[in-house]
C-alpha cells in the first residue's frame, strides 16, 4: 500500500511539473520588452560595475530565450533572430561602439 502511494505521488508530481512547464510560454515580444527595459537603464554616466550588471541581465534574457526555443516554449520562434539583433544593439548601447 505504501509503495503504491509513493508511486502514485511520484507520477502525480511528474505530471504536475510537465503541465507547469508547458504553461510557461512566451513570445519574443516579452523578451524584447525586457531588453528595452535594460537598454533604458544604459545611461552614459553608468559605472563599470553597473554596465557589467546590465550586460549580465542581457545574457540572462538571451539564455532564457534560447532555452525556451530549444524546449519549444516560444510561441513565435521564427522571430528569435530579431531578439538576438536587439540584444547585440543593447550591448552596444551599454558599452559604446567598438572602435
N, C-alpha and C. Protein backbone atom coordinates (compact mmCIF):
# COMPACT_ATOMS: atom_id res chain seq x y z
N UNK A 1 0.82 -1.19 0.00
CA UNK A 1 0.00 0.00 0.00
C UNK A 1 0.87 1.26 0.00
N UNK A 2 1.90 1.27 0.85
CA UNK A 2 2.78 2.43 0.93
C UNK A 2 3.53 2.63 -0.39
N UNK A 3 3.97 1.54 -0.99
CA UNK A 3 4.68 1.63 -2.26
C UNK A 3 3.76 2.17 -3.35
N UNK A 4 2.53 1.73 -3.37
CA UNK A 4 1.56 2.21 -4.36
C UNK A 4 1.31 3.70 -4.20
N UNK A 5 1.20 4.18 -2.97
CA UNK A 5 1.02 5.61 -2.72
C UNK A 5 2.25 6.41 -3.16
N UNK A 6 3.42 5.87 -2.90
CA UNK A 6 4.66 6.54 -3.30
C UNK A 6 4.73 6.67 -4.82
N UNK A 7 4.43 5.59 -5.52
CA UNK A 7 4.47 5.60 -6.99
C UNK A 7 3.42 6.58 -7.54
N UNK A 8 2.24 6.57 -6.97
CA UNK A 8 1.19 7.48 -7.42
C UNK A 8 1.60 8.94 -7.18
N UNK A 9 2.22 9.21 -6.04
CA UNK A 9 2.67 10.57 -5.74
C UNK A 9 3.78 10.99 -6.70
N UNK A 10 4.70 10.10 -7.01
CA UNK A 10 5.79 10.41 -7.94
C UNK A 10 5.24 10.72 -9.34
N UNK A 11 4.28 9.90 -9.79
CA UNK A 11 3.67 10.14 -11.11
C UNK A 11 2.89 11.45 -11.11
N UNK A 12 2.19 11.73 -10.03
CA UNK A 12 1.44 12.99 -9.93
C UNK A 12 2.36 14.19 -9.96
N UNK A 13 3.49 14.12 -9.27
CA UNK A 13 4.45 15.22 -9.26
C UNK A 13 5.06 15.42 -10.63
N UNK A 14 5.38 14.32 -11.30
CA UNK A 14 5.93 14.42 -12.65
C UNK A 14 4.93 15.05 -13.60
N UNK A 15 3.68 14.66 -13.51
CA UNK A 15 2.63 15.21 -14.35
C UNK A 15 2.44 16.70 -14.08
N UNK A 16 2.46 17.07 -12.81
CA UNK A 16 2.29 18.48 -12.44
C UNK A 16 3.45 19.31 -12.98
N UNK A 17 4.68 18.81 -12.89
CA UNK A 17 5.84 19.55 -13.41
C UNK A 17 5.75 19.74 -14.91
N UNK A 18 5.35 18.70 -15.63
CA UNK A 18 5.22 18.81 -17.08
C UNK A 18 4.15 19.83 -17.46
N UNK A 19 3.03 19.80 -16.77
CA UNK A 19 1.94 20.74 -17.04
C UNK A 19 2.38 22.16 -16.71
N UNK A 20 3.09 22.33 -15.59
CA UNK A 20 3.56 23.64 -15.18
C UNK A 20 4.58 24.19 -16.18
N UNK A 21 5.47 23.34 -16.68
CA UNK A 21 6.47 23.77 -17.67
C UNK A 21 5.80 24.19 -18.97
N UNK A 22 4.75 23.50 -19.36
CA UNK A 22 4.05 23.83 -20.59
C UNK A 22 3.30 25.15 -20.47
N UNK A 23 2.86 25.49 -19.26
CA UNK A 23 2.14 26.74 -19.07
C UNK A 23 3.05 27.94 -19.21
N UNK A 24 4.34 27.78 -18.96
CA UNK A 24 5.27 28.87 -19.06
C UNK A 24 5.74 29.02 -20.49
N UNK A 25 4.98 29.71 -21.27
CA UNK A 25 5.36 30.01 -22.64
C UNK A 25 5.37 31.52 -22.79
N UNK A 26 5.99 31.97 -23.82
CA UNK A 26 6.05 33.40 -24.05
C UNK A 26 6.36 33.70 -25.50
N UNK A 27 6.43 34.96 -25.78
CA UNK A 27 6.71 35.41 -27.13
C UNK A 27 8.03 36.17 -27.14
N UNK A 28 8.54 36.37 -28.32
CA UNK A 28 9.75 37.18 -28.48
C UNK A 28 9.46 38.60 -28.00
N UNK A 29 8.24 39.05 -28.16
CA UNK A 29 7.86 40.39 -27.69
C UNK A 29 8.05 40.54 -26.19
N UNK A 30 7.78 39.48 -25.43
CA UNK A 30 8.01 39.52 -23.99
C UNK A 30 9.49 39.75 -23.68
N UNK A 31 10.35 39.04 -24.41
CA UNK A 31 11.78 39.19 -24.19
C UNK A 31 12.27 40.56 -24.69
N UNK A 32 11.72 41.03 -25.80
CA UNK A 32 12.11 42.35 -26.31
C UNK A 32 11.76 43.45 -25.31
N UNK A 33 10.65 43.30 -24.61
CA UNK A 33 10.26 44.26 -23.58
C UNK A 33 11.32 44.29 -22.47
N UNK A 34 11.82 43.13 -22.10
CA UNK A 34 12.87 43.07 -21.08
C UNK A 34 14.16 43.73 -21.58
N UNK A 35 14.50 43.50 -22.85
CA UNK A 35 15.70 44.11 -23.43
C UNK A 35 15.56 45.63 -23.45
N UNK A 36 14.39 46.12 -23.82
CA UNK A 36 14.18 47.57 -23.84
C UNK A 36 14.30 48.18 -22.45
N UNK A 37 13.86 47.45 -21.43
CA UNK A 37 13.98 47.95 -20.06
C UNK A 37 15.45 48.06 -19.66
N UNK A 38 16.25 47.08 -20.04
CA UNK A 38 17.68 47.12 -19.74
C UNK A 38 18.33 48.27 -20.51
N UNK A 39 17.97 48.39 -21.76
CA UNK A 39 18.55 49.44 -22.61
C UNK A 39 18.22 50.83 -22.08
N UNK A 40 17.03 50.99 -21.53
CA UNK A 40 16.64 52.29 -20.98
C UNK A 40 17.50 52.67 -19.78
N UNK A 41 18.03 51.70 -19.09
CA UNK A 41 18.89 51.95 -17.94
C UNK A 41 20.34 52.22 -18.33
N UNK A 42 20.68 52.02 -19.58
CA UNK A 42 22.07 52.15 -20.04
C UNK A 42 22.41 53.60 -20.33
N UNK A 43 22.61 54.37 -19.30
CA UNK A 43 22.98 55.76 -19.44
C UNK A 43 24.50 55.89 -19.57
N UNK A 44 24.98 56.91 -20.28
CA UNK A 44 26.43 57.08 -20.43
C UNK A 44 27.15 57.29 -19.09
N UNK A 45 26.45 57.75 -18.09
CA UNK A 45 27.08 58.04 -16.80
C UNK A 45 27.21 56.81 -15.91
N UNK A 46 26.81 55.65 -16.37
CA UNK A 46 26.88 54.42 -15.57
C UNK A 46 28.32 54.03 -15.30
N UNK A 47 28.54 53.46 -14.12
CA UNK A 47 29.87 52.97 -13.76
C UNK A 47 30.13 51.64 -14.46
N UNK A 48 31.36 51.20 -14.40
CA UNK A 48 31.71 49.91 -15.00
C UNK A 48 30.94 48.76 -14.37
N UNK A 49 30.78 48.80 -13.05
CA UNK A 49 30.05 47.73 -12.36
C UNK A 49 28.58 47.71 -12.79
N UNK A 50 28.00 48.89 -12.98
CA UNK A 50 26.61 48.97 -13.45
C UNK A 50 26.48 48.40 -14.86
N UNK A 51 27.44 48.70 -15.69
CA UNK A 51 27.42 48.20 -17.07
C UNK A 51 27.55 46.67 -17.09
N UNK A 52 28.41 46.16 -16.22
CA UNK A 52 28.57 44.70 -16.14
C UNK A 52 27.26 44.05 -15.70
N UNK A 53 26.58 44.66 -14.73
CA UNK A 53 25.30 44.12 -14.25
C UNK A 53 24.24 44.15 -15.35
N UNK A 54 24.20 45.24 -16.12
CA UNK A 54 23.24 45.32 -17.23
C UNK A 54 23.57 44.29 -18.30
N UNK A 55 24.85 44.12 -18.59
CA UNK A 55 25.27 43.13 -19.58
C UNK A 55 24.88 41.72 -19.11
N UNK A 56 25.01 41.45 -17.82
CA UNK A 56 24.63 40.15 -17.28
C UNK A 56 23.13 39.92 -17.43
N UNK A 57 22.34 40.97 -17.21
CA UNK A 57 20.89 40.83 -17.39
C UNK A 57 20.56 40.48 -18.83
N UNK A 58 21.27 41.09 -19.78
CA UNK A 58 21.05 40.76 -21.20
C UNK A 58 21.43 39.30 -21.46
N UNK A 59 22.52 38.85 -20.86
CA UNK A 59 22.93 37.45 -21.03
C UNK A 59 21.87 36.50 -20.47
N UNK A 60 21.29 36.86 -19.34
CA UNK A 60 20.24 36.03 -18.73
C UNK A 60 19.00 35.98 -19.63
N UNK A 61 18.64 37.11 -20.21
CA UNK A 61 17.49 37.16 -21.13
C UNK A 61 17.75 36.26 -22.33
N UNK A 62 18.95 36.38 -22.89
CA UNK A 62 19.31 35.57 -24.06
C UNK A 62 19.28 34.09 -23.73
N UNK A 63 19.86 33.72 -22.59
CA UNK A 63 19.90 32.31 -22.19
C UNK A 63 18.49 31.75 -22.02
N UNK A 64 17.62 32.51 -21.36
CA UNK A 64 16.25 32.05 -21.15
C UNK A 64 15.53 31.89 -22.48
N UNK A 65 15.68 32.87 -23.37
CA UNK A 65 15.00 32.80 -24.67
C UNK A 65 15.47 31.59 -25.48
N UNK A 66 16.76 31.32 -25.46
CA UNK A 66 17.28 30.18 -26.22
C UNK A 66 16.81 28.87 -25.59
N UNK A 67 16.81 28.80 -24.26
CA UNK A 67 16.30 27.59 -23.60
C UNK A 67 14.84 27.36 -23.94
N UNK A 68 14.04 28.43 -23.92
CA UNK A 68 12.63 28.30 -24.27
C UNK A 68 12.48 27.85 -25.72
N UNK A 69 13.33 28.37 -26.60
CA UNK A 69 13.27 27.98 -28.02
C UNK A 69 13.58 26.49 -28.16
N UNK A 70 14.63 26.04 -27.50
CA UNK A 70 15.02 24.64 -27.59
C UNK A 70 13.94 23.72 -27.04
N UNK A 71 13.27 24.16 -25.97
CA UNK A 71 12.23 23.35 -25.33
C UNK A 71 10.86 23.53 -25.98
N UNK A 72 10.78 24.32 -27.05
CA UNK A 72 9.52 24.51 -27.75
C UNK A 72 8.50 25.36 -27.00
N UNK A 73 8.98 26.22 -26.11
CA UNK A 73 8.07 27.04 -25.31
C UNK A 73 7.88 28.44 -25.88
N UNK A 74 8.62 28.79 -26.94
CA UNK A 74 8.42 30.09 -27.58
C UNK A 74 7.26 29.98 -28.56
N UNK A 75 6.36 30.93 -28.49
CA UNK A 75 5.20 30.91 -29.36
C UNK A 75 5.53 31.38 -30.77
N UNK A 76 6.59 32.16 -30.91
CA UNK A 76 6.96 32.68 -32.24
C UNK A 76 8.47 32.53 -32.47
N UNK A 77 8.96 31.30 -32.55
CA UNK A 77 10.40 31.08 -32.66
C UNK A 77 11.01 31.64 -33.95
N UNK A 78 10.19 31.89 -34.94
CA UNK A 78 10.71 32.43 -36.20
C UNK A 78 11.25 33.86 -36.01
N UNK A 79 10.93 34.51 -34.91
CA UNK A 79 11.39 35.87 -34.65
C UNK A 79 12.58 35.92 -33.70
N UNK A 80 13.19 34.77 -33.41
CA UNK A 80 14.32 34.73 -32.48
C UNK A 80 15.47 35.60 -32.97
N UNK A 81 15.69 35.63 -34.28
CA UNK A 81 16.78 36.45 -34.82
C UNK A 81 16.60 37.92 -34.48
N UNK A 82 15.37 38.41 -34.45
CA UNK A 82 15.11 39.81 -34.10
C UNK A 82 15.52 40.09 -32.66
N UNK A 83 15.28 39.14 -31.78
CA UNK A 83 15.69 39.30 -30.38
C UNK A 83 17.21 39.34 -30.28
N UNK A 84 17.89 38.45 -31.00
CA UNK A 84 19.35 38.41 -30.92
C UNK A 84 19.97 39.70 -31.44
N UNK A 85 19.40 40.27 -32.49
CA UNK A 85 19.89 41.55 -33.00
C UNK A 85 19.65 42.66 -31.98
N UNK A 86 18.50 42.65 -31.35
CA UNK A 86 18.19 43.66 -30.33
C UNK A 86 19.12 43.54 -29.13
N UNK A 87 19.46 42.32 -28.76
CA UNK A 87 20.42 42.11 -27.67
C UNK A 87 21.78 42.68 -28.02
N UNK A 88 22.23 42.45 -29.24
CA UNK A 88 23.52 42.99 -29.68
C UNK A 88 23.50 44.52 -29.68
N UNK A 89 22.40 45.10 -30.15
CA UNK A 89 22.27 46.56 -30.15
C UNK A 89 22.27 47.12 -28.74
N UNK A 90 21.61 46.43 -27.83
CA UNK A 90 21.57 46.89 -26.44
C UNK A 90 22.97 46.82 -25.82
N UNK A 91 23.72 45.80 -26.14
CA UNK A 91 25.09 45.71 -25.63
C UNK A 91 25.94 46.85 -26.17
N UNK A 92 25.75 47.20 -27.42
CA UNK A 92 26.47 48.32 -28.00
C UNK A 92 26.12 49.61 -27.27
N UNK A 93 24.86 49.75 -26.91
CA UNK A 93 24.46 50.95 -26.18
C UNK A 93 25.07 50.99 -24.78
N UNK A 94 25.16 49.82 -24.14
CA UNK A 94 25.75 49.76 -22.79
C UNK A 94 27.24 50.09 -22.83
N UNK A 95 27.96 49.48 -23.75
CA UNK A 95 29.41 49.59 -23.77
C UNK A 95 29.94 50.64 -24.74
N UNK A 96 29.09 51.10 -25.68
CA UNK A 96 29.55 52.04 -26.69
C UNK A 96 30.06 51.29 -27.90
N UNK A 97 30.18 51.98 -29.02
CA UNK A 97 30.64 51.31 -30.23
C UNK A 97 32.11 50.87 -30.10
N UNK A 98 32.42 49.77 -30.73
CA UNK A 98 33.80 49.27 -30.73
C UNK A 98 34.57 50.02 -31.79
N UNK A 99 35.70 50.56 -31.39
CA UNK A 99 36.47 51.34 -32.37
C UNK A 99 37.72 50.63 -32.78
